[in-house]
Amino acid sequence: MKILVTGASGYLGQGIVKTLIENGQQVVATDFTTQWIDKRAEILATDLFAIDNPFVFFGCPDVVLHLAWKDGFAHNSPSHITNLSAHCDFIQKLVVSGAKHIAVMGSMHEVGFFEGSIDEKTACSPMSYYGIAKNALRRYVEILASSNRFIYQWLRGYYIVGNSEHGNSIFSKITTSAKAGEKEFPFTMGLNQFDFIDYDDFCFQVAATVGQEEVNGIINICTGRPEKLSDRVERFIKENGYNIKLQYGAFPDRPYDSKAVWGNNSKITEILSTSEFKKVKLE
């Protein structure tokens, strides 16, 4: 199966591309910069939105996995809104040219403030530019899918745990600080509970999802269980042997963060129960 992965040089893209290749898939990987992409992929450095016919340009892939996104960790960056139409236009071009299977990376931030288990029927009321843009793109793709014949998968991501210094998550920042010899890391009180998924598992779940066509629509890439932020971060520090302590209360909680939220894992469990894909050790 030929799979186009956009945003392939990003933190998520790197692991997903490797997992797909290790599971025997032919990967076409594209991004502005390409130095972090697995060299076994067909690599193309492109301005994704400047291509007139991306489906033909990338060799008519069987699956398009659209990860590309700017400023993902700057939730109120204006770029989320200003770039939204370009994402819509890119996906429309794919559909018009004959793409049959399109998967797009979503986010729990589409939902906004919510407490409890999120499933595909959970109402969305996003509270950041990032969440608003992702939610609008999801609705656009859903409407496209309702009037065109293509498989649509919306991969709703949660909190990813990894020790790469190249990411922008709290875990990457702790890794950077610990390796720099810092002894304290400014932190919130850490009382909120989220759905934390290890990087290897996240990449595996995404790869297994796009590698099948039976389970579609909104799919939570998650563990299905909540854990207190402070507990997961303390465990992360211990797992990696970092000599750093959390400075509790240095920052307030973000006002739009839920007190306890996690993904319903019924669809991803169904996918993994029949998938022949294997998890790959990435970090």
C-alpha atoms as a PDB file:
ATOM      1  CA  MET A   1       0.000   0.000   0.000  1.00  0.00           C
ATOM      2  CA  LYS A   2       1.324   3.456  -0.936  1.00  0.00           C
ATOM      3  CA  ILE A   3       0.744   5.997   1.830  1.00  0.00           C
ATOM      4  CA  LEU A   4       1.445   9.719   1.523  1.00  0.00           C
ATOM      5  CA  VAL A   5       2.391  11.287   4.862  1.00  0.00           C
ATOM      6  CA  THR A   6       2.382  15.094   5.044  1.00  0.00           C
ATOM      7  CA  GLY A   7       4.218  16.832   7.864  1.00  0.00           C
ATOM      8  CA  ALA A   8       6.518  13.820   7.872  1.00  0.00           C
ATOM      9  CA  SER A   9       9.494  15.613   9.417  1.00  0.00           C
ATOM     10  CA  GLY A  10       7.539  16.669  12.485  1.00  0.00           C
ATOM     11  CA  TYR A  11       7.716  14.852  15.797  1.00  0.00           C
ATOM     12  CA  LEU A  12       4.634  12.741  15.075  1.00  0.00           C
ATOM     13  CA  GLY A  13       5.452  12.225  11.426  1.00  0.00           C
ATOM     14  CA  GLN A  14       8.910  10.815  12.118  1.00  0.00           C
ATOM     15  CA  GLY A  15       7.608   7.952  14.240  1.00  0.00           C
ATOM     16  CA  ILE A  16       4.551   7.247  12.114  1.00  0.00           C
ATOM     17  CA  VAL A  17       6.631   7.034   8.917  1.00  0.00           C
ATOM     18  CA  LYS A  18       9.051   4.603  10.552  1.00  0.00           C
ATOM     19  CA  THR A  19       6.213   2.479  11.941  1.00  0.00           C
ATOM     20  CA  LEU A  20       4.526   2.299   8.535  1.00  0.00           C
ATOM     21  CA  ILE A  21       7.774   1.300   6.810  1.00  0.00           C
ATOM     22  CA  GLU A  22       8.584  -1.325   9.442  1.00  0.00           C
ATOM     23  CA  ASN A  23       5.140  -2.785   8.747  1.00  0.00           C
ATOM     24  CA  GLY A  24       5.836  -3.181   5.045  1.00  0.00           C
ATOM     25  CA  GLN A  25       4.120  -0.073   3.680  1.00  0.00           C
ATOM     26  CA  GLN A  26       5.412   2.071   0.819  1.00  0.00           C
ATOM     27  CA  VAL A  27       5.677   5.609   2.198  1.00  0.00           C
ATOM     28  CA  VAL A  28       5.870   8.890   0.319  1.00  0.00           C
ATOM     29  CA  ALA A  29       6.923  11.469   2.909  1.00  0.00           C
ATOM     30  CA  THR A  30       6.749  15.225   2.444  1.00  0.00           C
ATOM     31  CA  ASP A  31       7.502  18.349   4.468  1.00  0.00           C
ATOM     32  CA  PHE A  32       9.236  21.727   4.120  1.00  0.00           C
ATOM     33  CA  THR A  33      12.389  20.213   5.605  1.00  0.00           C
ATOM     34  CA  THR A  34      13.235  16.542   5.414  1.00  0.00           C
ATOM     35  CA  GLN A  35      16.294  15.870   7.590  1.00  0.00           C
ATOM     36  CA  TRP A  36      14.366  13.906  10.249  1.00  0.00           C
ATOM     37  CA  ILE A  37      12.511  11.596   7.858  1.00  0.00           C
ATOM     38  CA  ASP A  38      13.388   7.894   7.634  1.00  0.00           C
ATOM     39  CA  LYS A  39      15.566   7.545   4.531  1.00  0.00           C
ATOM     40  CA  ARG A  40      13.713   4.409   3.437  1.00  0.00           C
ATOM     41  CA  ALA A  41      10.729   6.564   2.467  1.00  0.00           C
ATOM     42  CA  GLU A  42      10.376   8.348  -0.849  1.00  0.00           C
ATOM     43  CA  ILE A  43      11.122  11.861   0.406  1.00  0.00           C
ATOM     44  CA  LEU A  44       9.921  15.059  -1.236  1.00  0.00           C
ATOM     45  CA  ALA A  45      10.595  18.556   0.113  1.00  0.00           C
ATOM     46  CA  THR A  46       7.574  20.608  -0.928  1.00  0.00           C
ATOM     47  CA  ASP A  47       5.331  23.552  -0.194  1.00  0.00           C
ATOM     48  CA  LEU A  48       2.257  21.388   0.113  1.00  0.00           C
ATOM     49  CA  PHE A  49      -0.255  24.130  -0.575  1.00  0.00           C
ATOM     50  CA  ALA A  50       1.473  25.368  -3.748  1.00  0.00           C
ATOM     51  CA  ILE A  51       0.891  22.118  -5.656  1.00  0.00           C
ATOM     52  CA  ASP A  52      -1.942  22.290  -8.219  1.00  0.00           C
ATOM     53  CA  ASN A  53      -2.708  18.568  -8.296  1.00  0.00           C
ATOM     54  CA  PRO A  54      -1.209  16.963  -5.179  1.00  0.00           C
ATOM     55  CA  PHE A  55      -2.800  13.555  -5.781  1.00  0.00           C
ATOM     56  CA  VAL A  56      -1.030  13.126  -9.127  1.00  0.00           C
ATOM     57  CA  PHE A  57       2.135  14.931  -7.964  1.00  0.00           C
ATOM     58  CA  PHE A  58       2.624  12.418  -5.138  1.00  0.00           C
ATOM     59  CA  GLY A  59       2.020   9.405  -7.373  1.00  0.00           C
ATOM     60  CA  CYS A  60      -1.671   8.670  -6.712  1.00  0.00           C
ATOM     61  CA  PRO A  61      -1.265   7.218  -3.196  1.00  0.00           C
ATOM     62  CA  ASP A  62      -3.730   4.657  -1.854  1.00  0.00           C
ATOM     63  CA  VAL A  63      -3.935   6.593   1.429  1.00  0.00           C
ATOM     64  CA  VAL A  64      -3.243  10.215   2.330  1.00  0.00           C
ATOM     65  CA  LEU A  65      -2.323  10.822   5.973  1.00  0.00           C
ATOM     66  CA  HIS A  66      -2.437  14.575   6.544  1.00  0.00           C
ATOM     67  CA  LEU A  67      -0.355  15.486   9.599  1.00  0.00           C
ATOM     68  CA  ALA A  68       0.993  18.844   8.400  1.00  0.00           C
ATOM     69  CA  TRP A  69       0.093  21.712  10.725  1.00  0.00           C
ATOM     70  CA  LYS A  70       1.869  24.864  11.902  1.00  0.00           C
ATOM     71  CA  ASP A  71       2.165  26.077  15.518  1.00  0.00           C
ATOM     72  CA  GLY A  72       0.428  23.064  17.030  1.00  0.00           C
ATOM     73  CA  PHE A  73       1.576  23.938  20.556  1.00  0.00           C
ATOM     74  CA  ALA A  74       0.811  27.669  20.276  1.00  0.00           C
ATOM     75  CA  HIS A  75      -2.902  27.235  20.707  1.00  0.00           C
ATOM     76  CA  ASN A  76      -3.835  30.859  20.006  1.00  0.00           C
ATOM     77  CA  SER A  77      -1.462  31.513  17.125  1.00  0.00           C
ATOM     78  CA  PRO A  78      -3.275  33.388  14.296  1.00  0.00           C
ATOM     79  CA  SER A  79      -1.780  30.895  11.817  1.00  0.00           C
ATOM     80  CA  HIS A  80      -4.378  28.299  12.796  1.00  0.00           C
ATOM     81  CA  ILE A  81      -7.131  30.477  11.343  1.00  0.00           C
ATOM     82  CA  THR A  82      -5.201  32.024   8.450  1.00  0.00           C
ATOM     83  CA  ASN A  83      -3.980  28.617   7.186  1.00  0.00           C
ATOM     84  CA  LEU A  84      -7.336  26.836   7.557  1.00  0.00           C
ATOM     85  CA  SER A  85      -8.496  27.547   4.004  1.00  0.00           C
ATOM     86  CA  ALA A  86      -5.214  26.153   2.622  1.00  0.00           C
ATOM     87  CA  HIS A  87      -5.799  22.847   4.423  1.00  0.00           C
ATOM     88  CA  CYS A  88      -9.367  22.727   3.094  1.00  0.00           C
ATOM     89  CA  ASP A  89      -8.165  23.506  -0.432  1.00  0.00           C
ATOM     90  CA  PHE A  90      -5.472  20.803  -0.254  1.00  0.00           C
ATOM     91  CA  ILE A  91      -7.956  18.135   0.774  1.00  0.00           C
ATOM     92  CA  GLN A  92     -10.497  19.237  -1.822  1.00  0.00           C
ATOM     93  CA  LYS A  93      -7.838  18.953  -4.547  1.00  0.00           C
ATOM     94  CA  LEU A  94      -7.121  15.400  -3.408  1.00  0.00           C
ATOM     95  CA  VAL A  95     -10.790  14.444  -3.528  1.00  0.00           C
ATOM     96  CA  VAL A  96     -11.431  16.014  -6.945  1.00  0.00           C
ATOM     97  CA  SER A  97      -8.418  14.176  -8.384  1.00  0.00           C
ATOM     98  CA  GLY A  98      -9.596  10.798  -7.122  1.00  0.00           C
ATOM     99  CA  ALA A  99      -8.155  10.176  -3.646  1.00  0.00           C
ATOM    100  CA  LYS A 100     -10.061   7.273  -2.082  1.00  0.00           C
ATOM    101  CA  HIS A 101      -8.777   7.219   1.502  1.00  0.00           C
ATOM    102  CA  ILE A 102      -7.958  10.357   3.492  1.00  0.00           C
ATOM    103  CA  ALA A 103      -6.944  10.418   7.159  1.00  0.00           C
ATOM    104  CA  VAL A 104      -6.391  13.695   9.015  1.00  0.00           C
ATOM    105  CA  MET A 105      -4.812  14.303  12.406  1.00  0.00           C
ATOM    106  CA  GLY A 106      -7.276  15.896  14.807  1.00  0.00           C
ATOM    107  CA  SER A 107      -7.076  16.883  18.459  1.00  0.00           C
ATOM    108  CA  MET A 108      -8.983  16.620  21.692  1.00  0.00           C
ATOM    109  CA  HIS A 109      -8.840  20.434  21.712  1.00  0.00           C
ATOM    110  CA  GLU A 110     -11.640  20.417  19.132  1.00  0.00           C
ATOM    111  CA  VAL A 111     -13.941  19.467  21.977  1.00  0.00           C
ATOM    112  CA  GLY A 112     -13.153  22.363  24.304  1.00  0.00           C
ATOM    113  CA  PHE A 113     -13.937  22.228  28.007  1.00  0.00           C
ATOM    114  CA  PHE A 114     -15.437  18.824  28.759  1.00  0.00           C
ATOM    115  CA  GLU A 115     -15.283  16.346  31.596  1.00  0.00           C
ATOM    116  CA  GLY A 116     -15.499  12.618  31.036  1.00  0.00           C
ATOM    117  CA  SER A 117     -15.010  10.210  28.150  1.00  0.00           C
ATOM    118  CA  ILE A 118     -14.947  11.692  24.618  1.00  0.00           C
ATOM    119  CA  ASP A 119     -16.463   9.702  21.765  1.00  0.00           C
ATOM    120  CA  GLU A 120     -17.426  10.550  18.189  1.00  0.00           C
ATOM    121  CA  LYS A 121     -20.784  11.960  19.317  1.00  0.00           C
ATOM    122  CA  THR A 122     -19.359  14.345  21.938  1.00  0.00           C
ATOM    123  CA  ALA A 123     -20.370  17.939  21.163  1.00  0.00           C
ATOM    124  CA  CYS A 124     -17.502  20.270  20.256  1.00  0.00           C
ATOM    125  CA  SER A 125     -17.133  23.815  21.558  1.00  0.00           C
ATOM    126  CA  PRO A 126     -13.428  24.653  21.097  1.00  0.00           C
ATOM    127  CA  MET A 127     -11.870  27.388  23.208  1.00  0.00           C
ATOM    128  CA  SER A 128      -8.637  28.130  21.324  1.00  0.00           C
ATOM    129  CA  TYR A 129      -7.736  29.092  17.758  1.00  0.00           C
ATOM    130  CA  TYR A 130      -6.120  25.686  17.368  1.00  0.00           C
ATOM    131  CA  GLY A 131      -9.244  23.853  18.467  1.00  0.00           C
ATOM    132  CA  ILE A 132     -11.498  26.066  16.353  1.00  0.00           C
ATOM    133  CA  ALA A 133      -9.414  25.459  13.225  1.00  0.00           C
ATOM    134  CA  LYS A 134      -9.147  21.702  13.733  1.00  0.00           C
ATOM    135  CA  ASN A 135     -12.861  21.435  14.411  1.00  0.00           C
ATOM    136  CA  ALA A 136     -13.712  23.474  11.301  1.00  0.00           C
ATOM    137  CA  LEU A 137     -11.429  21.291   9.160  1.00  0.00           C
ATOM    138  CA  ARG A 138     -13.082  18.169  10.552  1.00  0.00           C
ATOM    139  CA  ARG A 139     -16.553  19.468   9.676  1.00  0.00           C
ATOM    140  CA  TYR A 140     -15.348  20.411   6.191  1.00  0.00           C
ATOM    141  CA  VAL A 141     -13.925  16.941   5.565  1.00  0.00           C
ATOM    142  CA  GLU A 142     -17.103  15.336   6.906  1.00  0.00           C
ATOM    143  CA  ILE A 143     -19.207  17.334   4.446  1.00  0.00           C
ATOM    144  CA  LEU A 144     -16.839  16.434   1.593  1.00  0.00           C
ATOM    145  CA  ALA A 145     -17.072  12.764   2.553  1.00  0.00           C
ATOM    146  CA  SER A 146     -20.879  12.864   2.637  1.00  0.00           C
ATOM    147  CA  SER A 147     -21.050  13.982  -1.001  1.00  0.00           C
ATOM    148  CA  ASN A 148     -18.009  12.173  -2.418  1.00  0.00           C
ATOM    149  CA  ARG A 149     -16.949   8.567  -2.338  1.00  0.00           C
ATOM    150  CA  PHE A 150     -13.841   8.367  -0.211  1.00  0.00           C
ATOM    151  CA  ILE A 151     -12.873   6.784   3.088  1.00  0.00           C
ATOM    152  CA  TYR A 152     -12.550   9.412   5.796  1.00  0.00           C
ATOM    153  CA  GLN A 153     -10.732   8.938   9.092  1.00  0.00           C
ATOM    154  CA  TRP A 154     -10.342  11.682  11.673  1.00  0.00           C
ATOM    155  CA  LEU A 155      -7.570  10.703  14.089  1.00  0.00           C
ATOM    156  CA  ARG A 156      -8.290  12.520  17.333  1.00  0.00           C
ATOM    157  CA  GLY A 157      -5.071  12.808  19.329  1.00  0.00           C
ATOM    158  CA  TYR A 158      -4.690  13.211  23.089  1.00  0.00           C
ATOM    159  CA  TYR A 159      -1.562  13.700  25.230  1.00  0.00           C
ATOM    160  CA  ILE A 160       1.546  12.059  23.797  1.00  0.00           C
ATOM    161  CA  VAL A 161       4.399  11.001  26.078  1.00  0.00           C
ATOM    162  CA  GLY A 162       7.885  10.854  24.598  1.00  0.00           C
ATOM    163  CA  ASN A 163      11.430  11.801  25.562  1.00  0.00           C
ATOM    164  CA  SER A 164      12.543  13.448  22.327  1.00  0.00           C
ATOM    165  CA  GLU A 165      14.126  16.879  22.693  1.00  0.00           C
ATOM    166  CA  HIS A 166      12.658  17.879  19.321  1.00  0.00           C
ATOM    167  CA  GLY A 167       9.015  18.025  20.429  1.00  0.00           C
ATOM    168  CA  ASN A 168       7.148  20.860  22.116  1.00  0.00           C
ATOM    169  CA  SER A 169       5.234  18.906  24.735  1.00  0.00           C
ATOM    170  CA  ILE A 170       5.862  19.212  28.463  1.00  0.00           C
ATOM    171  CA  PHE A 171       7.697  15.881  28.286  1.00  0.00           C
ATOM    172  CA  SER A 172      10.090  17.134  25.596  1.00  0.00           C
ATOM    173  CA  LYS A 173      10.675  20.319  27.587  1.00  0.00           C
ATOM    174  CA  ILE A 174      11.470  18.337  30.736  1.00  0.00           C
ATOM    175  CA  THR A 175      13.889  16.192  28.728  1.00  0.00           C
ATOM    176  CA  THR A 176      15.636  19.298  27.400  1.00  0.00           C
ATOM    177  CA  SER A 177      15.844  20.866  30.875  1.00  0.00           C
ATOM    178  CA  ALA A 178      17.116  17.678  32.515  1.00  0.00           C
ATOM    179  CA  LYS A 179      19.819  17.175  29.881  1.00  0.00           C
ATOM    180  CA  ALA A 180      20.856  20.801  30.323  1.00  0.00           C
ATOM    181  CA  GLY A 181      21.513  20.094  34.002  1.00  0.00           C
ATOM    182  CA  GLU A 182      18.619  22.086  35.399  1.00  0.00           C
ATOM    183  CA  LYS A 183      17.388  20.894  38.797  1.00  0.00           C
ATOM    184  CA  GLU A 184      13.857  22.344  38.808  1.00  0.00           C
ATOM    185  CA  PHE A 185      11.105  22.540  36.220  1.00  0.00           C
ATOM    186  CA  PRO A 186       8.304  25.143  36.637  1.00  0.00           C
ATOM    187  CA  PHE A 187       4.960  23.382  36.678  1.00  0.00           C
ATOM    188  CA  THR A 188       1.266  23.770  37.432  1.00  0.00           C
ATOM    189  CA  MET A 189      -0.297  21.966  40.391  1.00  0.00           C
ATOM    190  CA  GLY A 190      -0.782  19.039  38.010  1.00  0.00           C
ATOM    191  CA  LEU A 191      -4.195  18.024  39.331  1.00  0.00           C
ATOM    192  CA  ASN A 192      -5.979  17.769  35.963  1.00  0.00           C
ATOM    193  CA  GLN A 193      -6.430  14.271  34.530  1.00  0.00           C
ATOM    194  CA  PHE A 194      -5.775  13.492  30.878  1.00  0.00           C
ATOM    195  CA  ASP A 195      -5.435  10.552  28.491  1.00  0.00           C
ATOM    196  CA  PHE A 196      -1.679   9.987  28.131  1.00  0.00           C
ATOM    197  CA  ILE A 197      -0.405   7.711  25.375  1.00  0.00           C
ATOM    198  CA  ASP A 198       3.235   6.721  24.878  1.00  0.00           C
ATOM    199  CA  TYR A 199       4.801   7.885  21.608  1.00  0.00           C
ATOM    200  CA  ASP A 200       5.411   4.348  20.312  1.00  0.00           C
ATOM    201  CA  ASP A 201       1.791   3.389  20.986  1.00  0.00           C
ATOM    202  CA  PHE A 202       0.496   6.560  19.378  1.00  0.00           C
ATOM    203  CA  CYS A 203       2.445   5.942  16.158  1.00  0.00           C
ATOM    204  CA  PHE A 204       1.364   2.306  16.154  1.00  0.00           C
ATOM    205  CA  GLN A 205      -2.307   3.185  16.561  1.00  0.00           C
ATOM    206  CA  VAL A 206      -2.171   5.750  13.748  1.00  0.00           C
ATOM    207  CA  ALA A 207      -0.380   3.338  11.399  1.00  0.00           C
ATOM    208  CA  ALA A 208      -2.800   0.504  12.156  1.00  0.00           C
ATOM    209  CA  THR A 209      -5.779   2.815  11.608  1.00  0.00           C
ATOM    210  CA  VAL A 210      -4.747   4.080   8.182  1.00  0.00           C
ATOM    211  CA  GLY A 211      -3.752   0.536   7.217  1.00  0.00           C
ATOM    212  CA  GLN A 212      -7.394  -0.592   7.276  1.00  0.00           C
ATOM    213  CA  GLU A 213     -10.688   0.590   5.767  1.00  0.00           C
ATOM    214  CA  GLU A 214     -13.394  -0.974   7.925  1.00  0.00           C
ATOM    215  CA  VAL A 215     -13.419   1.396  10.927  1.00  0.00           C
ATOM    216  CA  ASN A 216     -13.754   5.022   9.867  1.00  0.00           C
ATOM    217  CA  GLY A 217     -15.016   8.447  10.927  1.00  0.00           C
ATOM    218  CA  ILE A 218     -13.742   9.942  14.192  1.00  0.00           C
ATOM    219  CA  ILE A 219     -11.275   7.568  15.861  1.00  0.00           C
ATOM    220  CA  ASN A 220      -9.655   8.348  19.196  1.00  0.00           C
ATOM    221  CA  ILE A 221      -5.922   7.654  19.290  1.00  0.00           C
ATOM    222  CA  CYS A 222      -5.792   7.049  23.008  1.00  0.00           C
ATOM    223  CA  THR A 223      -5.555   4.660  25.941  1.00  0.00           C
ATOM    224  CA  GLY A 224      -9.120   5.103  27.142  1.00  0.00           C
ATOM    225  CA  ARG A 225      -8.185   5.985  30.716  1.00  0.00           C
ATOM    226  CA  PRO A 226      -7.371   9.208  32.609  1.00  0.00           C
ATOM    227  CA  GLU A 227      -4.305   9.846  34.743  1.00  0.00           C
ATOM    228  CA  LYS A 228      -3.409  12.854  36.883  1.00  0.00           C
ATOM    229  CA  LEU A 229      -0.882  15.091  35.130  1.00  0.00           C
ATOM    230  CA  SER A 230       1.448  15.258  38.137  1.00  0.00           C
ATOM    231  CA  ASP A 231       1.473  11.458  38.455  1.00  0.00           C
ATOM    232  CA  ARG A 232       2.317  10.932  34.780  1.00  0.00           C
ATOM    233  CA  VAL A 233       5.047  13.578  34.773  1.00  0.00           C
ATOM    234  CA  GLU A 234       6.627  12.278  38.006  1.00  0.00           C
ATOM    235  CA  ARG A 235       6.565   8.772  36.523  1.00  0.00           C
ATOM    236  CA  PHE A 236       8.122  10.076  33.293  1.00  0.00           C
ATOM    237  CA  ILE A 237      10.976  11.658  35.256  1.00  0.00           C
ATOM    238  CA  LYS A 238      11.555   8.401  37.139  1.00  0.00           C
ATOM    239  CA  GLU A 239      11.330   6.237  33.989  1.00  0.00           C
ATOM    240  CA  ASN A 240      14.062   8.284  32.325  1.00  0.00           C
ATOM    241  CA  GLY A 241      16.270   8.685  35.388  1.00  0.00           C
ATOM    242  CA  TYR A 242      16.215  12.482  35.249  1.00  0.00           C
ATOM    243  CA  ASN A 243      17.642  14.408  38.200  1.00  0.00           C
ATOM    244  CA  ILE A 244      15.039  17.164  38.139  1.00  0.00           C
ATOM    245  CA  LYS A 245      12.147  18.131  40.391  1.00  0.00           C
ATOM    246  CA  LEU A 246       8.837  19.770  39.568  1.00  0.00           C
ATOM    247  CA  GLN A 247       8.275  23.279  40.900  1.00  0.00           C
ATOM    248  CA  TYR A 248       4.581  22.945  41.685  1.00  0.00           C
ATOM    249  CA  GLY A 249       2.367  26.010  41.338  1.00  0.00           C
ATOM    250  CA  ALA A 250       4.783  28.050  39.224  1.00  0.00           C
ATOM    251  CA  PHE A 251       2.167  28.293  36.467  1.00  0.00           C
ATOM    252  CA  PRO A 252      -1.646  28.368  36.603  1.00  0.00           C
ATOM    253  CA  ASP A 253      -3.721  25.799  34.753  1.00  0.00           C
ATOM    254  CA  ARG A 254      -4.942  26.915  31.341  1.00  0.00           C
ATOM    255  CA  PRO A 255      -8.568  28.062  31.696  1.00  0.00           C
ATOM    256  CA  TYR A 256      -9.734  25.853  28.809  1.00  0.00           C
ATOM    257  CA  ASP A 257      -8.182  22.637  30.129  1.00  0.00           C
ATOM    258  CA  SER A 258     -10.675  20.098  31.442  1.00  0.00           C
ATOM    259  CA  LYS A 259     -10.377  18.726  34.955  1.00  0.00           C
ATOM    260  CA  ALA A 260     -10.666  15.118  33.787  1.00  0.00           C
ATOM    261  CA  VAL A 261     -10.967  14.050  30.155  1.00  0.00           C
ATOM    262  CA  TRP A 262     -10.069  10.934  28.192  1.00  0.00           C
ATOM    263  CA  GLY A 263     -10.868   9.209  24.925  1.00  0.00           C
ATOM    264  CA  ASN A 264     -13.327   6.396  24.364  1.00  0.00           C
ATOM    265  CA  ASN A 265     -11.085   3.644  22.994  1.00  0.00           C
ATOM    266  CA  SER A 266     -13.744   1.296  21.580  1.00  0.00           C
ATOM    267  CA  LYS A 267     -12.946   2.004  17.910  1.00  0.00           C
ATOM    268  CA  ILE A 268      -9.167   1.814  18.234  1.00  0.00           C
ATOM    269  CA  THR A 269      -9.530  -1.387  20.259  1.00  0.00           C
ATOM    270  CA  GLU A 270     -11.589  -2.867  17.413  1.00  0.00           C
ATOM    271  CA  ILE A 271      -8.939  -1.829  14.885  1.00  0.00           C
ATOM    272  CA  LEU A 272      -6.034  -3.264  16.869  1.00  0.00           C
ATOM    273  CA  SER A 273      -7.865  -6.530  17.551  1.00  0.00           C
ATOM    274  CA  THR A 274      -7.708  -7.479  13.855  1.00  0.00           C
ATOM    275  CA  SER A 275      -4.652  -5.538  12.689  1.00  0.00           C
ATOM    276  CA  GLU A 276      -1.519  -7.326  11.523  1.00  0.00           C
ATOM    277  CA  PHE A 277       0.580  -4.238  12.242  1.00  0.00           C
ATOM    278  CA  LYS A 278       3.222  -4.472  14.950  1.00  0.00           C
ATOM    279  CA  LYS A 279       4.378  -1.802  17.378  1.00  0.00           C
ATOM    280  CA  VAL A 280       7.872  -0.450  16.691  1.00  0.00           C
ATOM    281  CA  LYS A 281      10.383   0.689  19.314  1.00  0.00           C
ATOM    282  CA  LEU A 282      11.006   4.346  18.446  1.00  0.00           C
ATOM    283  CA  GLU A 283      12.538   6.029  21.550  1.00  0.00           C
END
